[in-house]
Amino acid sequence: MPNVRRDRAQAFMTGSRVSALMKERGVSASSLADSVRIQLSTLENYCAGRRIPSDLLAGIAQKLETSVAYLLAVSDDPSPVPAVS
């Protein structure tokens, strides 16, 4: 059975990290929304602590030059994961 409290806390943490990185990296909300092909209002909901669908996390992480692990608070290192060639 899912832990609703933990899921909400995770969504809030992810949204907070996305918002902070947007500000830190100088990425506008409209630019990020456009790059992952979502409505601006949808991105604003994610930043407010609503769950971000996992299929969007990679694109958001790439645009913000970080890792999915950082956005999910699995890691405290905001550095991007090096690309594997």
C-alpha atoms as a PDB file:
ATOM      1  CA  MET A   1       0.000   0.000   0.000  1.00  0.00           C
ATOM      2  CA  PRO A   2       1.480   3.379  -0.982  1.00  0.00           C
ATOM      3  CA  ASN A   3       2.561   5.810   1.690  1.00  0.00           C
ATOM      4  CA  VAL A   4       0.596   8.948   0.753  1.00  0.00           C
ATOM      5  CA  ARG A   5       2.464  11.194   3.187  1.00  0.00           C
ATOM      6  CA  ARG A   6       5.842  10.096   1.788  1.00  0.00           C
ATOM      7  CA  ASP A   7       4.588  10.509  -1.797  1.00  0.00           C
ATOM      8  CA  ARG A   8       3.421  14.071  -1.074  1.00  0.00           C
ATOM      9  CA  ALA A   9       6.694  14.922   0.638  1.00  0.00           C
ATOM     10  CA  GLN A  10       8.605  13.525  -2.353  1.00  0.00           C
ATOM     11  CA  ALA A  11       6.510  15.559  -4.798  1.00  0.00           C
ATOM     12  CA  PHE A  12       7.016  18.714  -2.759  1.00  0.00           C
ATOM     13  CA  MET A  13      10.791  18.145  -2.564  1.00  0.00           C
ATOM     14  CA  THR A  14      11.010  17.513  -6.304  1.00  0.00           C
ATOM     15  CA  GLY A  15       8.945  20.613  -7.080  1.00  0.00           C
ATOM     16  CA  SER A  16      11.074  22.705  -4.744  1.00  0.00           C
ATOM     17  CA  ARG A  17      14.264  21.486  -6.397  1.00  0.00           C
ATOM     18  CA  VAL A  18      12.917  22.169  -9.876  1.00  0.00           C
ATOM     19  CA  SER A  19      11.916  25.709  -8.828  1.00  0.00           C
ATOM     20  CA  ALA A  20      15.259  26.411  -7.158  1.00  0.00           C
ATOM     21  CA  LEU A  21      17.255  25.130 -10.129  1.00  0.00           C
ATOM     22  CA  MET A  22      15.171  27.176 -12.561  1.00  0.00           C
ATOM     23  CA  LYS A  23      16.034  30.287 -10.595  1.00  0.00           C
ATOM     24  CA  GLU A  24      19.694  29.313 -10.109  1.00  0.00           C
ATOM     25  CA  ARG A  25      20.224  28.375 -13.779  1.00  0.00           C
ATOM     26  CA  GLY A  26      18.217  31.295 -15.172  1.00  0.00           C
ATOM     27  CA  VAL A  27      15.691  29.029 -16.900  1.00  0.00           C
ATOM     28  CA  SER A  28      12.257  30.556 -17.250  1.00  0.00           C
ATOM     29  CA  ALA A  29       9.173  28.530 -16.485  1.00  0.00           C
ATOM     30  CA  SER A  30       7.880  29.024 -20.018  1.00  0.00           C
ATOM     31  CA  SER A  31      11.186  27.843 -21.508  1.00  0.00           C
ATOM     32  CA  LEU A  32      11.214  24.718 -19.347  1.00  0.00           C
ATOM     33  CA  ALA A  33       7.555  23.983 -20.072  1.00  0.00           C
ATOM     34  CA  ASP A  34       8.175  24.373 -23.803  1.00  0.00           C
ATOM     35  CA  SER A  35      11.244  22.129 -23.743  1.00  0.00           C
ATOM     36  CA  VAL A  36       9.355  19.238 -22.110  1.00  0.00           C
ATOM     37  CA  ARG A  37       6.187  19.988 -24.098  1.00  0.00           C
ATOM     38  CA  ILE A  38       3.790  20.743 -21.273  1.00  0.00           C
ATOM     39  CA  GLN A  39       1.560  23.697 -20.483  1.00  0.00           C
ATOM     40  CA  LEU A  40       3.010  26.401 -18.238  1.00  0.00           C
ATOM     41  CA  SER A  41       0.177  25.849 -15.751  1.00  0.00           C
ATOM     42  CA  THR A  42       1.107  22.157 -15.569  1.00  0.00           C
ATOM     43  CA  LEU A  43       4.717  23.023 -14.724  1.00  0.00           C
ATOM     44  CA  GLU A  44       3.497  25.479 -12.080  1.00  0.00           C
ATOM     45  CA  ASN A  45       1.450  22.674 -10.509  1.00  0.00           C
ATOM     46  CA  TYR A  46       4.520  20.422 -10.431  1.00  0.00           C
ATOM     47  CA  CYS A  47       6.589  23.175  -8.801  1.00  0.00           C
ATOM     48  CA  ALA A  48       3.835  23.625  -6.220  1.00  0.00           C
ATOM     49  CA  GLY A  49       4.324  20.049  -5.061  1.00  0.00           C
ATOM     50  CA  ARG A  50       2.096  17.977  -7.247  1.00  0.00           C
ATOM     51  CA  ARG A  51       3.639  14.784  -8.548  1.00  0.00           C
ATOM     52  CA  ILE A  52       5.762  15.099 -11.672  1.00  0.00           C
ATOM     53  CA  PRO A  53       5.210  12.156 -14.025  1.00  0.00           C
ATOM     54  CA  SER A  54       8.359  10.081 -14.313  1.00  0.00           C
ATOM     55  CA  ASP A  55       8.379  10.345 -18.120  1.00  0.00           C
ATOM     56  CA  LEU A  56       9.021  14.102 -17.786  1.00  0.00           C
ATOM     57  CA  LEU A  57      11.779  13.953 -15.179  1.00  0.00           C
ATOM     58  CA  ALA A  58      14.593  13.145 -17.617  1.00  0.00           C
ATOM     59  CA  GLY A  59      13.720  16.093 -19.858  1.00  0.00           C
ATOM     60  CA  ILE A  60      13.412  18.461 -16.903  1.00  0.00           C
ATOM     61  CA  ALA A  61      16.732  17.249 -15.486  1.00  0.00           C
ATOM     62  CA  GLN A  62      18.439  17.681 -18.852  1.00  0.00           C
ATOM     63  CA  LYS A  63      17.117  21.231 -19.330  1.00  0.00           C
ATOM     64  CA  LEU A  64      18.169  22.172 -15.779  1.00  0.00           C
ATOM     65  CA  GLU A  65      21.582  20.491 -16.173  1.00  0.00           C
ATOM     66  CA  THR A  66      21.119  18.155 -13.237  1.00  0.00           C
ATOM     67  CA  SER A  67      20.276  14.520 -12.597  1.00  0.00           C
ATOM     68  CA  VAL A  68      16.953  12.822 -12.030  1.00  0.00           C
ATOM     69  CA  ALA A  69      18.427  11.492  -8.768  1.00  0.00           C
ATOM     70  CA  TYR A  70      18.904  15.061  -7.547  1.00  0.00           C
ATOM     71  CA  LEU A  71      15.365  16.076  -8.482  1.00  0.00           C
ATOM     72  CA  LEU A  72      14.016  13.047  -6.612  1.00  0.00           C
ATOM     73  CA  ALA A  73      16.210  13.840  -3.575  1.00  0.00           C
ATOM     74  CA  VAL A  74      18.009  10.517  -3.928  1.00  0.00           C
ATOM     75  CA  SER A  75      21.219  12.544  -4.225  1.00  0.00           C
ATOM     76  CA  ASP A  76      22.211  15.905  -2.798  1.00  0.00           C
ATOM     77  CA  ASP A  77      24.621  16.562  -5.676  1.00  0.00           C
ATOM     78  CA  PRO A  78      22.978  18.770  -8.317  1.00  0.00           C
ATOM     79  CA  SER A  79      25.724  18.020 -10.863  1.00  0.00           C
ATOM     80  CA  PRO A  80      24.517  16.427 -14.072  1.00  0.00           C
ATOM     81  CA  VAL A  81      25.322  12.799 -14.695  1.00  0.00           C
ATOM     82  CA  PRO A  82      27.965  12.593 -17.442  1.00  0.00           C
ATOM     83  CA  ALA A  83      26.642  11.326 -20.758  1.00  0.00           C
ATOM     84  CA  VAL A  84      27.665   7.813 -21.711  1.00  0.00           C
ATOM     85  CA  SER A  85      28.989   7.555 -25.235  1.00  0.00           C
END
